[in-house]
Amino acid sequence: MRGSEVPRGEVVDRVLVAFEGEGSGEGELAFGQRGLWQSIVQSGTSKTVAYVAEADPGTTVDAVADMFGFMVGRHQSLRTHLLLRESGPPRQRVCAAGEIPLVVVAAGDDDPAEVAEALSAHWQVVPFAYETEWPVRMGAIVAGGSGRHTVTHVVTVILHTSIDAFGLSALVADIGARDPVTGAPAGPVTAPPPLAQAAREATPAGQRQNELSLRYLRRVLRTAPARQFGEPRHEGEPCYEMLRYRSRAISMAIHAVAARERVDDSPALLASFVVGLARVTGANPVVTIMLVSNRFRPGYADSVSALIKVSPLLLDVAGLTIGEVVTRATGKALNAYKNAYYEAYEQEEAIRQIERERGEELDLSCYYNDRRQRDRVHAGVAPPAAGEIRAALADSELSWKQEASIPKAKLYLSLDDPPGAVELVLSADRRYFSRPDLATLARAIEEAAVQAAIEPETPTGIARPAAESAVR
């Protein structure tokens, strides 16, 4: 790789790292991989998961190479090539051994942290060579020029068909659990890798789960609104904007709700989103596509692979209080989660089937992705008082920091958990949501969360249509 192939700094070395691990073979993609391959095909880009880590003082290139070889050799998903076919998803081939490049980039006079972020953003948009390139790109950033080899940052970009955000967390934990002296792993890999997942999914039990999930999908879509956002309100071509809204108040509010209801805090956050969206747009019932990690399934919690799937959730908030919406969201979300395990291409046909039945296209472009990593259960931790929650509203921060790859959906909410806060990462098509619209929506979600904590009897403010009320 030439120095011009990176956006900042200079490539000063390309270390071929040898790896070797247990397991090899060829087979179909697993359910999670198939869905992510679908999204790659539809978007025309190599969707990825990225991680930039600040290296410990004194870290050498050799140490990074050792870690790289360890993780690729240990996890089959990271030493997989895709075998493309003319139609349908590719197959996959897992290799037992090989070599993978570690790119060493000298920052020169630039800030190494900025060089690392630039390399990560660059690699996220450069397409992978699926059949010949390993699904992991790693770069070691060294300070100064080519003569200095102390690593300041490590950049990792992984193809999404090999890993998801929760799989990345499992990978980081697995690397961190190595023996600091010998480098030995903490124990054997116990979670099934993708080839084993695909084999399990092909069994009668796996096919029964597939059919149950597709049955749920059809049931929800038969009554979902076809066009909840209506026609574009702003002119122009599709253009996507991203807002970040960091709120201590939301974090404190959902903690308070979880303590009162004796549940984890996820339903409170989901209810706040649905109520906020209904209030701002007038859309009701709200249909949102939930991204589900599937790591609650037996044996999958620590899997370094791609298990994420999508599942629709339909929630009617008319004539209810905020507290009642939280209660309904609990059951609705549970149903969506347990039915998020299916074959993606059969899902696509199920959607087409419902569209033929209804005689109209369905617009399923509102997404909800709770990707928080911290514990969502607050057992034993005293909830904040109402006054503390209200005071925290003054600390909320709004910014417009963009990601390298913005989701191409009418509305997409991702949820992160920086220390002491919840961060709403809202992206949208500007034809439907302008910058002021997104800011209003973020604050409406926050307001709903605070009301759920302090004043759960507050009405949603969404009325039932007159004709429907008369029937009731």
Protein backbone atom coordinates (compact mmCIF):
# COMPACT_ATOMS: atom_id res chain seq x y z
CA MET A 1 0.00 0.00 0.00
CA ARG A 2 1.37 3.39 -0.98
CA GLY A 3 1.36 6.38 1.33
CA SER A 4 -1.22 8.10 -0.93
CA GLU A 5 -3.72 5.34 -0.11
CA VAL A 6 -4.35 6.75 3.36
CA PRO A 7 -6.01 10.14 3.87
CA ARG A 8 -3.49 11.45 6.43
CA GLY A 9 -0.01 10.43 7.52
CA GLU A 10 2.24 8.08 5.59
CA VAL A 11 2.27 4.30 5.31
CA VAL A 12 5.72 3.25 6.52
CA ASP A 13 5.26 -0.51 6.82
CA ARG A 14 2.92 -3.33 5.95
CA VAL A 15 3.44 -6.26 8.31
CA LEU A 16 2.07 -9.61 7.17
CA VAL A 17 0.69 -11.21 10.33
CA ALA A 18 0.41 -15.00 10.34
CA PHE A 19 -2.63 -16.57 11.99
CA GLU A 20 -3.83 -20.09 12.65
CA GLY A 21 -6.95 -21.35 14.39
CA GLU A 22 -9.38 -24.18 14.91
CA GLY A 23 -12.13 -24.87 12.41
CA SER A 24 -12.47 -24.39 8.68
CA GLY A 25 -14.96 -25.22 5.97
CA GLU A 26 -17.52 -23.86 3.57
CA GLY A 27 -21.26 -23.31 3.90
CA GLU A 28 -24.21 -20.95 3.71
CA LEU A 29 -24.38 -17.64 5.55
CA ALA A 30 -26.18 -17.59 8.90
CA PHE A 31 -29.41 -15.59 9.39
CA GLY A 32 -27.61 -12.54 10.77
CA GLN A 33 -25.06 -12.53 7.98
CA ARG A 34 -27.76 -12.81 5.31
CA GLY A 35 -29.58 -9.75 6.59
CA LEU A 36 -26.41 -7.70 6.66
CA TRP A 37 -25.44 -8.85 3.17
CA GLN A 38 -28.89 -7.70 2.03
CA SER A 39 -28.20 -4.23 3.44
CA ILE A 40 -24.80 -4.15 1.71
CA VAL A 41 -26.40 -4.97 -1.63
CA GLN A 42 -29.22 -2.45 -1.16
CA SER A 43 -26.87 0.37 -0.12
CA GLY A 44 -24.08 -0.44 -2.56
CA THR A 45 -21.48 0.01 0.20
CA SER A 46 -19.43 -2.33 2.37
CA LYS A 47 -21.11 -1.81 5.74
CA THR A 48 -18.62 -2.08 8.58
CA VAL A 49 -18.08 -1.90 12.34
CA ALA A 50 -15.20 0.37 13.37
CA TYR A 51 -13.15 0.81 16.53
CA VAL A 52 -10.38 3.29 17.28
CA ALA A 53 -8.43 2.59 20.49
CA GLU A 54 -5.76 4.66 22.18
CA ALA A 55 -2.76 2.38 22.76
CA ASP A 56 -1.17 1.91 26.16
CA PRO A 57 2.13 3.83 26.58
CA GLY A 58 5.05 1.88 25.13
CA THR A 59 2.95 -0.30 22.82
CA THR A 60 5.03 -1.60 19.91
CA VAL A 61 4.07 -2.62 16.41
CA ASP A 62 5.08 -6.19 17.31
CA ALA A 63 2.62 -6.17 20.21
CA VAL A 64 -0.19 -5.00 17.94
CA ALA A 65 0.74 -7.69 15.40
CA ASP A 66 0.62 -10.34 18.14
CA MET A 67 -2.85 -9.19 19.20
CA PHE A 68 -4.01 -9.12 15.56
CA GLY A 69 -2.87 -12.66 14.89
CA PHE A 70 -4.47 -13.85 18.14
CA MET A 71 -7.92 -12.45 17.42
CA VAL A 72 -8.09 -13.56 13.78
CA GLY A 73 -6.85 -17.04 14.55
CA ARG A 74 -9.20 -17.44 17.51
CA HIS A 75 -12.44 -16.34 15.83
CA GLN A 76 -13.64 -18.01 12.65
CA SER A 77 -15.76 -15.03 11.59
CA LEU A 78 -12.58 -12.94 11.17
CA ARG A 79 -10.90 -15.41 8.79
CA THR A 80 -13.78 -15.83 6.40
CA HIS A 81 -14.01 -15.08 2.70
CA LEU A 82 -17.35 -14.59 0.95
CA LEU A 83 -18.04 -16.64 -2.18
CA LEU A 84 -20.26 -14.56 -4.43
CA ARG A 85 -23.07 -16.05 -6.52
CA GLU A 86 -25.10 -14.65 -9.39
CA SER A 87 -28.26 -14.52 -7.31
CA GLY A 88 -29.01 -14.69 -3.62
CA PRO A 89 -26.53 -14.31 -0.78
CA PRO A 90 -22.94 -15.55 -1.03
CA ARG A 91 -21.62 -18.65 0.64
CA GLN A 92 -18.72 -18.40 3.09
CA ARG A 93 -15.36 -20.14 3.40
CA VAL A 94 -13.53 -20.24 6.73
CA CYS A 95 -9.77 -20.77 6.48
CA ALA A 96 -7.67 -22.43 9.19
CA ALA A 97 -4.53 -20.37 8.55
CA GLY A 98 -3.17 -17.50 6.51
CA GLU A 99 -1.62 -14.03 6.62
CA ILE A 100 -3.29 -10.68 7.08
CA PRO A 101 -1.73 -7.19 6.65
CA LEU A 102 -1.19 -4.77 9.52
CA VAL A 103 -0.74 -1.28 8.08
CA VAL A 104 1.66 1.00 9.99
CA VAL A 105 0.97 4.71 9.48
CA ALA A 106 3.32 7.45 10.69
CA ALA A 107 1.43 10.57 11.78
CA GLY A 108 4.32 12.91 11.00
CA ASP A 109 3.47 16.42 12.14
CA ASP A 110 -0.24 15.65 12.43
CA ASP A 111 -2.16 14.77 15.58
CA PRO A 112 -2.07 10.92 15.79
CA ALA A 113 -5.66 10.82 17.07
CA GLU A 114 -6.85 12.75 14.02
CA VAL A 115 -4.83 10.50 11.72
CA ALA A 116 -6.45 7.45 13.34
CA GLU A 117 -9.97 8.83 12.95
CA ALA A 118 -9.29 9.76 9.32
CA LEU A 119 -8.00 6.27 8.55
CA SER A 120 -11.06 4.70 10.20
CA ALA A 121 -13.45 6.90 8.24
CA HIS A 122 -11.55 6.14 5.02
CA TRP A 123 -11.61 2.38 5.50
CA GLN A 124 -15.32 2.44 6.30
CA VAL A 125 -16.16 3.70 2.82
CA VAL A 126 -13.55 1.81 0.75
CA PRO A 127 -15.30 -1.36 -0.53
CA PHE A 128 -13.96 -4.71 0.63
CA ALA A 129 -12.82 -7.26 -1.95
CA TYR A 130 -15.18 -9.87 -0.52
CA GLU A 131 -13.71 -12.98 -2.13
CA THR A 132 -10.02 -12.22 -1.63
CA GLU A 133 -9.70 -9.75 1.27
CA TRP A 134 -9.94 -10.83 4.89
CA PRO A 135 -12.87 -9.08 6.61
CA VAL A 136 -10.62 -7.16 9.05
CA ARG A 137 -8.51 -4.07 8.38
CA MET A 138 -6.13 -2.96 11.10
CA GLY A 139 -3.79 0.01 11.27
CA ALA A 140 -1.18 0.97 13.85
CA ILE A 141 -0.62 4.73 14.09
CA VAL A 142 2.88 5.75 15.20
CA ALA A 143 3.82 9.25 16.32
CA GLY A 144 6.24 11.35 14.33
CA GLY A 145 8.08 9.99 11.30
CA SER A 146 9.09 6.54 10.11
CA GLY A 147 11.93 6.24 12.63
CA ARG A 148 9.62 6.20 15.65
CA HIS A 149 7.67 3.00 16.25
CA THR A 150 5.74 3.55 19.47
CA VAL A 151 2.08 2.99 18.65
CA THR A 152 -0.36 5.69 19.77
CA HIS A 153 -3.62 4.36 18.31
CA VAL A 154 -4.95 1.15 16.79
CA VAL A 155 -7.61 1.37 14.08
CA THR A 156 -9.85 -1.64 13.37
CA VAL A 157 -12.53 -1.80 10.69
CA ILE A 158 -14.43 -5.07 10.26
CA LEU A 159 -16.90 -6.08 7.55
CA HIS A 160 -20.41 -6.17 9.03
CA THR A 161 -21.13 -9.72 7.83
CA SER A 162 -18.40 -10.86 10.24
CA ILE A 163 -19.35 -8.86 13.33
CA ASP A 164 -21.86 -6.45 14.85
CA ALA A 165 -21.45 -3.89 17.62
CA PHE A 166 -22.14 -6.39 20.39
CA GLY A 167 -19.80 -8.89 18.73
CA LEU A 168 -17.13 -6.19 18.75
CA SER A 169 -17.64 -5.75 22.49
CA ALA A 170 -17.25 -9.51 22.95
CA LEU A 171 -14.04 -9.40 20.89
CA VAL A 172 -12.57 -6.52 22.93
CA ALA A 173 -13.42 -8.37 26.16
CA ASP A 174 -11.84 -11.57 24.86
CA ILE A 175 -8.61 -9.79 23.94
CA GLY A 176 -8.56 -8.04 27.31
CA ALA A 177 -8.93 -11.38 29.12
CA ARG A 178 -5.66 -12.81 27.72
CA ASP A 179 -2.96 -13.75 30.22
CA PRO A 180 -0.72 -10.64 30.38
CA VAL A 181 2.45 -12.77 30.54
CA THR A 182 1.81 -15.73 28.26
CA GLY A 183 -0.85 -14.23 25.99
CA ALA A 184 -2.98 -17.36 26.46
CA PRO A 185 -6.75 -16.95 26.12
CA ALA A 186 -8.96 -16.99 29.20
CA GLY A 187 -10.64 -20.18 27.99
CA PRO A 188 -12.01 -21.92 24.92
CA VAL A 189 -14.41 -20.29 22.49
CA THR A 190 -17.84 -21.59 23.49
CA ALA A 191 -20.24 -19.55 21.32
CA PRO A 192 -21.09 -21.14 17.94
CA PRO A 193 -19.32 -19.46 14.99
CA PRO A 194 -21.27 -18.55 11.84
CA LEU A 195 -20.87 -21.93 10.09
CA ALA A 196 -22.27 -23.67 13.16
CA GLN A 197 -25.03 -21.06 13.44
CA ALA A 198 -26.06 -21.71 9.83
CA ALA A 199 -26.10 -25.47 10.43
CA ARG A 200 -28.30 -25.01 13.52
CA GLU A 201 -30.67 -22.72 11.61
CA ALA A 202 -31.13 -25.39 8.93
CA THR A 203 -32.44 -27.93 11.47
CA PRO A 204 -36.20 -28.48 12.01
CA ALA A 205 -36.00 -26.46 15.25
CA GLY A 206 -34.27 -23.59 13.44
CA GLN A 207 -36.87 -23.62 10.69
CA ARG A 208 -39.71 -23.56 13.23
CA GLN A 209 -38.20 -20.42 14.78
CA ASN A 210 -37.90 -18.94 11.30
CA GLU A 211 -41.57 -19.54 10.55
CA LEU A 212 -42.74 -18.18 13.91
CA SER A 213 -40.78 -14.97 13.32
CA LEU A 214 -42.15 -14.56 9.79
CA ARG A 215 -45.69 -15.15 11.09
CA TYR A 216 -45.18 -12.32 13.61
CA LEU A 217 -43.84 -10.07 10.83
CA ARG A 218 -46.90 -10.67 8.66
CA ARG A 219 -49.27 -10.04 11.57
CA VAL A 220 -47.68 -6.67 12.41
CA LEU A 221 -47.44 -5.47 8.83
CA ARG A 222 -51.08 -6.23 8.04
CA THR A 223 -52.13 -3.32 10.30
CA ALA A 224 -49.06 -1.04 10.17
CA PRO A 225 -49.46 2.41 8.56
CA ALA A 226 -48.15 2.31 5.02
CA ARG A 227 -46.88 5.91 4.98
CA GLN A 228 -46.47 7.20 8.52
CA PHE A 229 -44.39 10.21 7.44
CA GLY A 230 -46.55 11.06 4.43
CA GLU A 231 -45.10 12.90 1.44
CA PRO A 232 -41.78 14.82 1.60
CA ARG A 233 -42.23 18.22 3.25
CA HIS A 234 -39.04 19.67 1.75
CA GLU A 235 -37.85 19.70 -1.85
CA GLY A 236 -34.65 18.24 -3.24
CA GLU A 237 -32.87 14.96 -3.66
CA PRO A 238 -32.40 12.54 -0.74
CA CYS A 239 -29.81 14.03 1.62
CA TYR A 240 -29.03 12.72 5.09
CA GLU A 241 -28.25 14.65 8.25
CA MET A 242 -27.08 13.41 11.65
CA LEU A 243 -27.76 14.98 15.06
CA ARG A 244 -26.27 13.94 18.40
CA TYR A 245 -28.11 14.83 21.57
CA ARG A 246 -26.42 13.93 24.85
CA SER A 247 -28.74 14.00 27.85
CA ARG A 248 -28.10 13.29 31.51
CA ALA A 249 -31.80 13.88 32.11
CA ILE A 250 -32.83 10.96 29.89
CA SER A 251 -30.38 8.64 31.64
CA MET A 252 -31.65 9.66 35.07
CA ALA A 253 -35.31 9.54 34.01
CA ILE A 254 -35.23 6.01 32.61
CA HIS A 255 -33.35 4.88 35.73
CA ALA A 256 -36.20 6.28 37.82
CA VAL A 257 -38.83 4.53 35.67
CA ALA A 258 -36.95 1.23 35.84
CA ALA A 259 -36.78 1.44 39.63
CA ARG A 260 -40.49 2.22 39.93
CA GLU A 261 -41.66 -0.45 37.48
CA ARG A 262 -39.04 -3.02 38.56
CA VAL A 263 -37.90 -3.63 34.97
CA ASP A 264 -34.80 -2.68 33.05
CA ASP A 265 -34.73 0.80 31.53
CA SER A 266 -35.19 -0.19 27.86
CA PRO A 267 -39.03 0.07 27.71
CA ALA A 268 -38.92 3.58 29.16
CA LEU A 269 -36.51 4.70 26.45
CA LEU A 270 -38.52 3.02 23.69
CA ALA A 271 -41.76 4.57 24.97
CA SER A 272 -40.12 8.00 25.10
CA PHE A 273 -39.07 7.69 21.46
CA VAL A 274 -42.51 6.57 20.27
CA VAL A 275 -44.36 9.28 22.22
CA GLY A 276 -41.88 11.96 21.14
CA LEU A 277 -42.19 10.92 17.50
CA ALA A 278 -46.00 10.82 17.62
CA ARG A 279 -46.13 14.28 19.21
CA VAL A 280 -43.79 15.86 16.68
CA THR A 281 -45.06 14.20 13.49
CA GLY A 282 -48.66 13.30 14.36
CA ALA A 283 -47.95 9.73 13.22
CA ASN A 284 -49.94 7.12 15.18
CA PRO A 285 -49.79 4.20 15.55
CA VAL A 286 -46.02 4.30 15.19
CA VAL A 287 -44.26 1.48 13.38
CA THR A 288 -40.53 1.27 13.96
CA ILE A 289 -38.03 -1.36 12.89
CA MET A 290 -36.16 -2.61 15.96
CA LEU A 291 -32.57 -3.78 15.66
CA VAL A 292 -32.26 -6.85 17.87
CA SER A 293 -28.92 -8.29 19.03
CA ASN A 294 -30.19 -11.90 19.49
CA ARG A 295 -27.53 -12.42 22.17
CA PHE A 296 -30.16 -13.42 24.70
CA ARG A 297 -30.44 -16.74 22.83
CA PRO A 298 -28.74 -19.68 24.57
CA GLY A 299 -24.99 -19.79 23.99
CA TYR A 300 -24.79 -16.62 21.89
CA ALA A 301 -23.96 -13.96 24.50
CA ASP A 302 -20.18 -13.92 23.80
CA SER A 303 -20.30 -14.68 20.09
CA VAL A 304 -17.83 -12.78 17.93
CA SER A 305 -20.09 -12.72 14.90
CA ALA A 306 -23.01 -10.89 13.31
CA LEU A 307 -26.26 -11.83 15.04
CA ILE A 308 -28.24 -8.61 14.70
CA LYS A 309 -31.62 -8.77 12.97
CA VAL A 310 -34.54 -6.39 12.52
CA SER A 311 -38.10 -6.83 13.75
CA PRO A 312 -41.09 -4.48 13.43
CA LEU A 313 -42.87 -3.00 16.44
CA LEU A 314 -46.27 -1.33 16.23
CA LEU A 315 -47.39 0.85 19.13
CA ASP A 316 -50.60 2.89 19.40
CA VAL A 317 -50.25 5.71 21.95
CA ALA A 318 -53.59 7.46 21.41
CA GLY A 319 -55.65 8.16 24.52
CA LEU A 320 -52.99 6.82 26.89
CA THR A 321 -50.81 8.23 29.62
CA ILE A 322 -47.01 8.12 29.36
CA GLY A 323 -46.94 5.49 32.11
CA GLU A 324 -49.38 3.29 30.17
CA VAL A 325 -47.20 3.56 27.06
CA VAL A 326 -44.20 2.33 29.06
CA THR A 327 -46.22 -0.70 30.20
CA ARG A 328 -47.36 -1.47 26.65
CA ALA A 329 -43.86 -0.97 25.27
CA THR A 330 -42.54 -3.64 27.64
CA GLY A 331 -44.71 -6.40 26.18
CA LYS A 332 -44.50 -5.16 22.59
CA ALA A 333 -40.71 -4.99 22.66
CA LEU A 334 -40.43 -8.48 24.15
CA ASN A 335 -42.55 -9.85 21.32
CA ALA A 336 -40.45 -8.05 18.71
CA TYR A 337 -37.20 -9.31 20.26
CA LYS A 338 -38.18 -12.97 20.42
CA ASN A 339 -39.37 -12.90 16.80
CA ALA A 340 -36.22 -11.37 15.31
CA TYR A 341 -34.59 -14.59 14.14
CA TYR A 342 -35.40 -15.55 10.56
CA GLU A 343 -34.06 -15.95 7.04
CA ALA A 344 -33.70 -12.49 5.51
CA TYR A 345 -34.68 -13.42 1.97
CA GLU A 346 -37.87 -15.08 3.21
CA GLN A 347 -38.54 -11.91 5.20
CA GLU A 348 -38.31 -9.89 2.01
CA GLU A 349 -40.83 -12.18 0.29
CA ALA A 350 -43.16 -11.96 3.33
CA ILE A 351 -43.15 -8.15 3.03
CA ARG A 352 -43.94 -8.37 -0.69
CA GLN A 353 -46.78 -10.78 0.12
CA ILE A 354 -48.37 -8.34 2.58
CA GLU A 355 -47.98 -5.49 0.07
CA ARG A 356 -49.83 -7.57 -2.54
CA GLU A 357 -52.60 -8.32 -0.02
CA ARG A 358 -52.95 -4.65 0.92
CA GLY A 359 -52.49 -3.33 -2.60
CA GLU A 360 -49.93 -0.76 -1.47
CA GLU A 361 -46.22 -0.42 -0.78
CA LEU A 362 -45.08 -0.31 2.83
CA ASP A 363 -42.63 2.36 3.89
CA LEU A 364 -40.54 0.68 6.59
CA SER A 365 -37.92 3.36 7.03
CA CYS A 366 -38.08 4.27 10.71
CA TYR A 367 -35.40 2.43 12.72
CA TYR A 368 -34.64 2.08 16.43
CA ASN A 369 -31.22 0.76 17.45
CA ASP A 370 -30.52 0.55 21.20
CA ARG A 371 -26.80 -0.21 21.05
CA ARG A 372 -25.99 0.81 24.63
CA GLN A 373 -23.38 -1.41 26.26
CA ARG A 374 -23.82 -0.54 29.94
CA ASP A 375 -26.04 -2.50 32.29
CA ARG A 376 -29.68 -1.50 31.81
CA VAL A 377 -30.74 -2.92 35.17
CA HIS A 378 -30.32 -0.54 38.11
CA ALA A 379 -30.93 -2.95 40.98
CA GLY A 380 -29.62 -1.65 44.28
CA VAL A 381 -28.94 1.85 42.95
CA ALA A 382 -31.19 4.57 44.37
CA PRO A 383 -33.12 6.39 41.64
CA PRO A 384 -32.58 10.14 41.23
CA ALA A 385 -35.12 12.54 42.68
CA ALA A 386 -37.47 14.58 40.50
CA GLY A 387 -35.55 17.78 41.21
CA GLU A 388 -32.26 16.21 40.11
CA ILE A 389 -33.81 15.04 36.85
CA ARG A 390 -35.26 18.47 36.08
CA ALA A 391 -31.96 20.18 36.91
CA ALA A 392 -30.10 17.88 34.51
CA LEU A 393 -32.11 19.24 31.57
CA ALA A 394 -29.83 22.29 31.54
CA ASP A 395 -26.82 20.07 30.75
CA SER A 396 -28.13 18.57 27.50
CA GLU A 397 -25.78 18.99 24.53
CA LEU A 398 -26.71 19.10 20.85
CA SER A 399 -24.16 18.70 18.03
CA TRP A 400 -24.08 17.82 14.34
CA LYS A 401 -21.05 15.51 14.21
CA GLN A 402 -21.41 13.25 11.18
CA GLU A 403 -20.35 9.60 10.84
CA ALA A 404 -18.49 8.21 7.85
CA SER A 405 -21.57 6.25 6.82
CA ILE A 406 -24.98 7.72 7.68
CA PRO A 407 -27.94 5.28 7.55
CA LYS A 408 -30.03 5.88 4.44
CA ALA A 409 -33.44 5.87 6.10
CA LYS A 410 -36.15 8.47 6.55
CA LEU A 411 -35.48 8.32 10.30
CA TYR A 412 -32.91 6.28 12.22
CA LEU A 413 -32.31 6.50 15.96
CA SER A 414 -29.27 4.90 17.56
CA LEU A 415 -28.78 5.04 21.32
CA ASP A 416 -25.36 5.22 22.96
CA ASP A 417 -24.39 5.42 26.62
CA PRO A 418 -21.46 7.73 27.37
CA PRO A 419 -20.73 7.94 31.12
CA GLY A 420 -23.69 9.33 33.02
CA ALA A 421 -25.83 10.07 29.98
CA VAL A 422 -27.81 8.72 27.06
CA GLU A 423 -26.86 9.97 23.60
CA LEU A 424 -29.49 10.08 20.87
CA VAL A 425 -27.87 9.69 17.44
CA LEU A 426 -30.66 10.76 15.08
CA SER A 427 -30.19 10.64 11.33
CA ALA A 428 -32.82 11.49 8.77
CA ASP A 429 -33.62 12.29 5.18
CA ARG A 430 -33.77 16.09 5.08
CA ARG A 431 -36.78 15.95 2.75
CA TYR A 432 -38.78 14.67 5.75
CA PHE A 433 -36.86 16.08 8.74
CA SER A 434 -34.96 19.36 8.58
CA ARG A 435 -32.32 20.27 11.15
CA PRO A 436 -34.87 22.13 13.28
CA ASP A 437 -37.21 19.11 13.01
CA LEU A 438 -34.51 16.76 14.31
CA ALA A 439 -33.66 19.09 17.18
CA THR A 440 -37.35 19.33 18.09
CA LEU A 441 -37.66 15.54 18.01
CA ALA A 442 -34.63 15.03 20.26
CA ARG A 443 -36.07 17.40 22.85
CA ALA A 444 -39.50 15.77 22.57
CA ILE A 445 -37.97 12.36 23.34
CA GLU A 446 -36.21 13.89 26.34
CA GLU A 447 -39.43 15.55 27.52
CA ALA A 448 -41.35 12.27 27.28
CA ALA A 449 -38.65 10.45 29.28
CA VAL A 450 -38.76 13.06 32.05
CA GLN A 451 -42.56 12.91 32.14
CA ALA A 452 -42.43 9.10 32.35
CA ALA A 453 -40.22 9.45 35.42
CA ILE A 454 -41.85 12.38 37.22
CA GLU A 455 -45.42 12.62 35.90
CA PRO A 456 -46.37 9.20 34.44
CA GLU A 457 -50.08 10.19 34.42
CA THR A 458 -49.37 12.84 31.77
CA PRO A 459 -51.46 12.13 28.63
CA THR A 460 -49.55 11.51 25.43
CA GLY A 461 -51.66 14.21 23.78
CA ILE A 462 -52.43 11.94 20.84
CA ALA A 463 -56.15 11.65 20.26
CA ARG A 464 -57.93 8.72 18.69
CA PRO A 465 -59.59 9.52 15.33
CA ALA A 466 -63.25 10.54 15.78
CA ALA A 467 -64.60 7.66 13.69
CA GLU A 468 -62.61 5.12 15.66
CA SER A 469 -63.66 6.66 18.99
CA ALA A 470 -67.31 6.38 17.95
CA VAL A 471 -66.93 2.69 17.18
CA ARG A 472 -65.34 2.15 20.61
